[in-house]
Amino acid sequence: MSRLYLLILIVLTVVFVSCASVPDRVSPEWSEAMFFKNAQEAMDESLYKTALYYYEVFLIRYPENHQMVIAAEYELAFIYYKTGDYKRAEAEYRAIIQKYDESPYAILYHPRFRRLCEIGLTNIEKQRAVQNRLFWRNREKEWAEEHGESLTEETDPVEI
């Protein structure tokens, strides 16, 4: 019986932790650094919605800090990437790169965020290529099965 109770306790713990909610407000006394610290802690715990919330509130509260804004925007894009929302991640990465090309504040941006966005876009393209290959491989397999064929060549074993 104790194993059953332990299993129930583990399941309930997982359910409660995974349902952790996003805070509904942030103290007005939080500094810029506190937003990043708390967002990073949320990321470390895979609480992506919470991290998104902190970065979004940061962008509203501190839009004039261009150096930190570009970092927060990159972190948002990275969270979209990590959660598999590649379409939104790609749009965010491209918007950041466009800021580097067109914004009068681009001189203030650390160059690493542009490079990280370029890497993110490359990774998204690689992911699409893999998904495309898997899609067509599955289609080939379905066709072969429908026609009584195999994708692998079956040969007679070689006798020695």
C-alpha atoms as a PDB file:
ATOM      1  CA  MET A   1       0.000   0.000   0.000  1.00  0.00           C
ATOM      2  CA  SER A   2       2.847   2.425   0.722  1.00  0.00           C
ATOM      3  CA  ARG A   3       3.969   2.250  -2.916  1.00  0.00           C
ATOM      4  CA  LEU A   4       0.485   3.254  -4.027  1.00  0.00           C
ATOM      5  CA  TYR A   5       0.508   6.250  -1.697  1.00  0.00           C
ATOM      6  CA  LEU A   6       3.969   7.210  -2.889  1.00  0.00           C
ATOM      7  CA  LEU A   7       2.850   6.968  -6.510  1.00  0.00           C
ATOM      8  CA  ILE A   8      -0.229   9.103  -5.799  1.00  0.00           C
ATOM      9  CA  LEU A   9       1.940  11.664  -4.008  1.00  0.00           C
ATOM     10  CA  ILE A  10       4.358  11.832  -6.946  1.00  0.00           C
ATOM     11  CA  VAL A  11       1.531  12.228  -9.468  1.00  0.00           C
ATOM     12  CA  LEU A  12      -0.118  14.983  -7.421  1.00  0.00           C
ATOM     13  CA  THR A  13       3.208  16.794  -7.043  1.00  0.00           C
ATOM     14  CA  VAL A  14       3.838  16.679 -10.785  1.00  0.00           C
ATOM     15  CA  VAL A  15       0.312  17.942 -11.490  1.00  0.00           C
ATOM     16  CA  PHE A  16       0.609  20.851  -9.066  1.00  0.00           C
ATOM     17  CA  VAL A  17       4.081  21.853 -10.241  1.00  0.00           C
ATOM     18  CA  SER A  18       3.136  21.668 -13.921  1.00  0.00           C
ATOM     19  CA  CYS A  19       0.047  23.789 -13.286  1.00  0.00           C
ATOM     20  CA  ALA A  20       2.003  26.542 -11.599  1.00  0.00           C
ATOM     21  CA  SER A  21       0.430  29.751 -12.701  1.00  0.00           C
ATOM     22  CA  VAL A  22       1.929  32.883 -14.114  1.00  0.00           C
ATOM     23  CA  PRO A  23       2.048  35.699 -11.565  1.00  0.00           C
ATOM     24  CA  ASP A  24      -0.655  38.285 -12.079  1.00  0.00           C
ATOM     25  CA  ARG A  25       1.537  41.215 -11.111  1.00  0.00           C
ATOM     26  CA  VAL A  26       5.112  42.218 -10.434  1.00  0.00           C
ATOM     27  CA  SER A  27       6.160  44.528  -7.653  1.00  0.00           C
ATOM     28  CA  PRO A  28       6.614  48.097  -8.918  1.00  0.00           C
ATOM     29  CA  GLU A  29       9.851  48.163  -6.938  1.00  0.00           C
ATOM     30  CA  TRP A  30      11.541  45.551  -9.102  1.00  0.00           C
ATOM     31  CA  SER A  31      14.717  46.781 -10.748  1.00  0.00           C
ATOM     32  CA  GLU A  32      15.623  45.955 -14.330  1.00  0.00           C
ATOM     33  CA  ALA A  33      18.049  43.322 -13.078  1.00  0.00           C
ATOM     34  CA  MET A  34      15.359  41.657 -10.959  1.00  0.00           C
ATOM     35  CA  PHE A  35      13.232  41.030 -14.049  1.00  0.00           C
ATOM     36  CA  PHE A  36      16.088  39.229 -15.763  1.00  0.00           C
ATOM     37  CA  LYS A  37      17.070  37.310 -12.613  1.00  0.00           C
ATOM     38  CA  ASN A  38      13.531  36.061 -12.018  1.00  0.00           C
ATOM     39  CA  ALA A  39      12.932  35.322 -15.703  1.00  0.00           C
ATOM     40  CA  GLN A  40      16.153  33.304 -15.843  1.00  0.00           C
ATOM     41  CA  GLU A  41      15.164  31.359 -12.738  1.00  0.00           C
ATOM     42  CA  ALA A  42      11.801  30.611 -14.359  1.00  0.00           C
ATOM     43  CA  MET A  43      13.610  29.443 -17.510  1.00  0.00           C
ATOM     44  CA  ASP A  44      15.877  27.187 -15.435  1.00  0.00           C
ATOM     45  CA  GLU A  45      12.738  25.561 -14.008  1.00  0.00           C
ATOM     46  CA  SER A  46      11.118  25.311 -17.492  1.00  0.00           C
ATOM     47  CA  LEU A  47       8.412  27.793 -16.459  1.00  0.00           C
ATOM     48  CA  TYR A  48       8.376  29.417 -19.883  1.00  0.00           C
ATOM     49  CA  LYS A  49       5.074  31.267 -19.499  1.00  0.00           C
ATOM     50  CA  THR A  50       6.342  32.885 -16.315  1.00  0.00           C
ATOM     51  CA  ALA A  51       9.603  33.895 -17.998  1.00  0.00           C
ATOM     52  CA  LEU A  52       7.640  35.319 -20.944  1.00  0.00           C
ATOM     53  CA  TYR A  53       5.525  37.325 -18.538  1.00  0.00           C
ATOM     54  CA  TYR A  54       8.570  38.826 -16.788  1.00  0.00           C
ATOM     55  CA  TYR A  55      10.210  39.824 -20.067  1.00  0.00           C
ATOM     56  CA  GLU A  56       6.977  41.297 -21.417  1.00  0.00           C
ATOM     57  CA  VAL A  57       6.437  43.370 -18.257  1.00  0.00           C
ATOM     58  CA  PHE A  58      10.064  44.470 -18.423  1.00  0.00           C
ATOM     59  CA  LEU A  59       9.540  45.724 -21.985  1.00  0.00           C
ATOM     60  CA  ILE A  60       6.541  47.755 -20.857  1.00  0.00           C
ATOM     61  CA  ARG A  61       8.245  49.228 -17.795  1.00  0.00           C
ATOM     62  CA  TYR A  62      11.668  49.972 -19.237  1.00  0.00           C
ATOM     63  CA  PRO A  63      11.327  50.718 -22.965  1.00  0.00           C
ATOM     64  CA  GLU A  64      14.013  53.398 -22.803  1.00  0.00           C
ATOM     65  CA  ASN A  65      16.801  51.000 -21.809  1.00  0.00           C
ATOM     66  CA  HIS A  66      17.643  49.967 -25.369  1.00  0.00           C
ATOM     67  CA  GLN A  67      20.508  47.665 -24.388  1.00  0.00           C
ATOM     68  CA  MET A  68      18.297  45.633 -22.056  1.00  0.00           C
ATOM     69  CA  VAL A  69      15.284  45.797 -24.389  1.00  0.00           C
ATOM     70  CA  ILE A  70      17.173  44.007 -27.155  1.00  0.00           C
ATOM     71  CA  ALA A  71      18.244  41.349 -24.625  1.00  0.00           C
ATOM     72  CA  ALA A  72      14.645  40.879 -23.426  1.00  0.00           C
ATOM     73  CA  GLU A  73      13.380  40.670 -26.995  1.00  0.00           C
ATOM     74  CA  TYR A  74      15.981  38.033 -27.774  1.00  0.00           C
ATOM     75  CA  GLU A  75      14.992  36.050 -24.675  1.00  0.00           C
ATOM     76  CA  LEU A  76      11.337  36.160 -25.767  1.00  0.00           C
ATOM     77  CA  ALA A  77      12.282  34.844 -29.201  1.00  0.00           C
ATOM     78  CA  PHE A  78      14.404  32.133 -27.610  1.00  0.00           C
ATOM     79  CA  ILE A  79      11.509  31.038 -25.383  1.00  0.00           C
ATOM     80  CA  TYR A  80       9.308  30.719 -28.459  1.00  0.00           C
ATOM     81  CA  TYR A  81      12.036  28.608 -30.039  1.00  0.00           C
ATOM     82  CA  LYS A  82      12.424  26.434 -26.929  1.00  0.00           C
ATOM     83  CA  THR A  83       8.670  25.827 -26.759  1.00  0.00           C
ATOM     84  CA  GLY A  84       8.512  24.808 -30.429  1.00  0.00           C
ATOM     85  CA  ASP A  85       6.707  27.914 -31.679  1.00  0.00           C
ATOM     86  CA  TYR A  86       9.143  28.214 -34.582  1.00  0.00           C
ATOM     87  CA  LYS A  87       6.951  30.529 -36.619  1.00  0.00           C
ATOM     88  CA  ARG A  88       6.793  33.121 -33.860  1.00  0.00           C
ATOM     89  CA  ALA A  89      10.455  32.621 -32.944  1.00  0.00           C
ATOM     90  CA  GLU A  90      11.441  33.215 -36.558  1.00  0.00           C
ATOM     91  CA  ALA A  91       9.366  36.400 -36.738  1.00  0.00           C
ATOM     92  CA  GLU A  92      10.932  37.690 -33.517  1.00  0.00           C
ATOM     93  CA  TYR A  93      14.474  36.812 -34.614  1.00  0.00           C
ATOM     94  CA  ARG A  94      13.905  38.614 -37.928  1.00  0.00           C
ATOM     95  CA  ALA A  95      12.448  41.679 -36.166  1.00  0.00           C
ATOM     96  CA  ILE A  96      15.523  41.893 -33.941  1.00  0.00           C
ATOM     97  CA  ILE A  97      17.885  41.600 -36.899  1.00  0.00           C
ATOM     98  CA  GLN A  98      15.888  44.326 -38.649  1.00  0.00           C
ATOM     99  CA  LYS A  99      16.413  46.563 -35.611  1.00  0.00           C
ATOM    100  CA  TYR A 100      20.168  46.065 -35.958  1.00  0.00           C
ATOM    101  CA  ASP A 101      19.884  47.161 -39.594  1.00  0.00           C
ATOM    102  CA  GLU A 102      17.463  50.062 -39.198  1.00  0.00           C
ATOM    103  CA  SER A 103      17.233  51.354 -35.625  1.00  0.00           C
ATOM    104  CA  PRO A 104      19.022  54.558 -34.664  1.00  0.00           C
ATOM    105  CA  TYR A 105      19.798  52.797 -31.373  1.00  0.00           C
ATOM    106  CA  ALA A 106      21.562  49.854 -33.035  1.00  0.00           C
ATOM    107  CA  ILE A 107      24.938  51.200 -31.928  1.00  0.00           C
ATOM    108  CA  LEU A 108      23.825  50.497 -28.342  1.00  0.00           C
ATOM    109  CA  TYR A 109      22.937  46.864 -28.990  1.00  0.00           C
ATOM    110  CA  HIS A 110      25.394  44.202 -28.062  1.00  0.00           C
ATOM    111  CA  PRO A 111      26.412  42.357 -31.280  1.00  0.00           C
ATOM    112  CA  ARG A 112      25.941  38.942 -29.660  1.00  0.00           C
ATOM    113  CA  PHE A 113      22.146  39.182 -29.876  1.00  0.00           C
ATOM    114  CA  ARG A 114      22.239  39.628 -33.630  1.00  0.00           C
ATOM    115  CA  ARG A 115      24.540  36.606 -33.924  1.00  0.00           C
ATOM    116  CA  LEU A 116      22.307  34.556 -31.610  1.00  0.00           C
ATOM    117  CA  CYS A 117      19.294  35.468 -33.748  1.00  0.00           C
ATOM    118  CA  GLU A 118      21.134  34.347 -36.872  1.00  0.00           C
ATOM    119  CA  ILE A 119      21.973  31.052 -35.151  1.00  0.00           C
ATOM    120  CA  GLY A 120      18.334  30.699 -34.112  1.00  0.00           C
ATOM    121  CA  LEU A 121      17.166  31.209 -37.704  1.00  0.00           C
ATOM    122  CA  THR A 122      19.692  28.626 -38.920  1.00  0.00           C
ATOM    123  CA  ASN A 123      18.446  26.144 -36.324  1.00  0.00           C
ATOM    124  CA  ILE A 124      14.843  26.733 -37.381  1.00  0.00           C
ATOM    125  CA  GLU A 125      15.785  26.057 -41.000  1.00  0.00           C
ATOM    126  CA  LYS A 126      17.550  22.839 -39.963  1.00  0.00           C
ATOM    127  CA  GLN A 127      14.477  21.801 -37.993  1.00  0.00           C
ATOM    128  CA  ARG A 128      12.277  22.429 -41.020  1.00  0.00           C
ATOM    129  CA  ALA A 129      14.607  20.396 -43.227  1.00  0.00           C
ATOM    130  CA  VAL A 130      14.472  17.460 -40.829  1.00  0.00           C
ATOM    131  CA  GLN A 131      10.683  17.675 -40.605  1.00  0.00           C
ATOM    132  CA  ASN A 132      10.459  17.872 -44.394  1.00  0.00           C
ATOM    133  CA  ARG A 133      12.654  14.775 -44.828  1.00  0.00           C
ATOM    134  CA  LEU A 134      10.612  12.875 -42.243  1.00  0.00           C
ATOM    135  CA  PHE A 135       7.374  13.914 -43.940  1.00  0.00           C
ATOM    136  CA  TRP A 136       8.514  12.638 -47.336  1.00  0.00           C
ATOM    137  CA  ARG A 137      10.041   9.486 -45.844  1.00  0.00           C
ATOM    138  CA  ASN A 138       6.683   8.698 -44.220  1.00  0.00           C
ATOM    139  CA  ARG A 139       4.900   9.341 -47.512  1.00  0.00           C
ATOM    140  CA  GLU A 140       7.297   6.961 -49.285  1.00  0.00           C
ATOM    141  CA  LYS A 141       6.729   4.341 -46.599  1.00  0.00           C
ATOM    142  CA  GLU A 142       2.937   4.666 -46.923  1.00  0.00           C
ATOM    143  CA  TRP A 143       3.148   4.335 -50.709  1.00  0.00           C
ATOM    144  CA  ALA A 144       5.379   1.278 -50.415  1.00  0.00           C
ATOM    145  CA  GLU A 145       3.007  -0.375 -47.938  1.00  0.00           C
ATOM    146  CA  GLU A 146      -0.003   0.366 -50.146  1.00  0.00           C
ATOM    147  CA  HIS A 147       1.781  -1.281 -53.078  1.00  0.00           C
ATOM    148  CA  GLY A 148       3.149  -4.257 -51.161  1.00  0.00           C
ATOM    149  CA  GLU A 149       6.713  -3.078 -51.373  1.00  0.00           C
ATOM    150  CA  SER A 150       9.421  -2.335 -48.859  1.00  0.00           C
ATOM    151  CA  LEU A 151      11.775   0.600 -48.585  1.00  0.00           C
ATOM    152  CA  THR A 152      14.617  -1.674 -47.551  1.00  0.00           C
ATOM    153  CA  GLU A 153      16.081  -4.234 -49.845  1.00  0.00           C
ATOM    154  CA  GLU A 154      15.622  -7.710 -48.554  1.00  0.00           C
ATOM    155  CA  THR A 155      18.366 -10.032 -49.732  1.00  0.00           C
ATOM    156  CA  ASP A 156      19.019 -13.660 -49.138  1.00  0.00           C
ATOM    157  CA  PRO A 157      21.555 -14.268 -46.439  1.00  0.00           C
ATOM    158  CA  VAL A 158      25.024 -14.974 -47.762  1.00  0.00           C
ATOM    159  CA  GLU A 159      26.298 -18.405 -46.944  1.00  0.00           C
ATOM    160  CA  ILE A 160      29.846 -18.747 -45.836  1.00  0.00           C
END
